[in-house]
Amino acid sequence: MKCPKCGSTHIRKNGKRGDKQNHICADCGRQFIDNYSVLGYSQDVQKNMT
């Protein structure tokens, strides 16, 4: 796993938010979720709404 900001591999676990594991970069301090998913409508639903 790499930090999305600096690309470092020095990553530590940093608690949980909901059911997702938070991580923090030991080099730059950026906090992130490894498996990020955007909540929202699918592309098909968005096309039908307009």
Protein backbone atom coordinates (compact mmCIF):
# COMPACT_ATOMS: atom_id res chain seq x y z
CA MET A 1 0.00 0.00 0.00
CA LYS A 2 1.24 3.50 -0.84
CA CYS A 3 0.30 6.95 0.40
CA PRO A 4 -1.86 8.75 -2.21
CA LYS A 5 -0.13 12.07 -1.44
CA CYS A 6 3.60 11.28 -1.28
CA GLY A 7 3.84 7.65 -2.46
CA SER A 8 5.56 6.45 0.72
CA THR A 9 5.14 2.86 1.88
CA HIS A 10 5.56 3.77 5.59
CA ILE A 11 1.89 3.33 6.50
CA ARG A 12 0.27 2.70 9.90
CA LYS A 13 -3.26 1.78 10.88
CA ASN A 14 -5.16 4.72 12.35
CA GLY A 15 -8.47 3.44 13.72
CA LYS A 16 -11.72 2.74 11.89
CA ARG A 17 -14.51 4.88 10.50
CA GLY A 18 -17.66 2.83 10.16
CA ASP A 19 -16.48 -0.52 8.79
CA LYS A 20 -13.46 0.89 6.94
CA GLN A 21 -9.87 0.85 8.20
CA ASN A 22 -8.16 4.26 8.31
CA HIS A 23 -4.44 4.51 7.59
CA ILE A 24 -1.94 7.31 8.17
CA CYS A 25 1.32 7.99 6.36
CA ALA A 26 4.30 8.09 8.73
CA ASP A 27 6.17 10.49 6.41
CA CYS A 28 3.66 13.20 5.43
CA GLY A 29 0.84 12.58 7.96
CA ARG A 30 -1.89 12.13 5.34
CA GLN A 31 -4.84 10.08 6.60
CA PHE A 32 -6.66 7.93 4.06
CA ILE A 33 -8.82 4.85 3.51
CA ASP A 34 -7.28 2.04 1.46
CA ASN A 35 -10.43 0.95 -0.35
CA TYR A 36 -12.20 4.25 -1.05
CA SER A 37 -15.57 4.07 -2.81
CA VAL A 38 -17.73 7.00 -3.87
CA LEU A 39 -21.36 6.82 -2.84
CA GLY A 40 -23.85 8.01 -5.41
CA TYR A 41 -25.92 7.08 -8.41
CA SER A 42 -24.51 4.87 -11.16
CA GLN A 43 -23.88 6.34 -14.63
CA ASP A 44 -27.03 4.63 -15.99
CA VAL A 45 -29.25 6.19 -13.35
CA GLN A 46 -27.67 9.63 -13.90
CA LYS A 47 -28.38 9.41 -17.66
CA ASN A 48 -32.04 8.59 -17.01
CA MET A 49 -32.45 11.50 -14.59
CA THR A 50 -31.60 14.21 -17.14
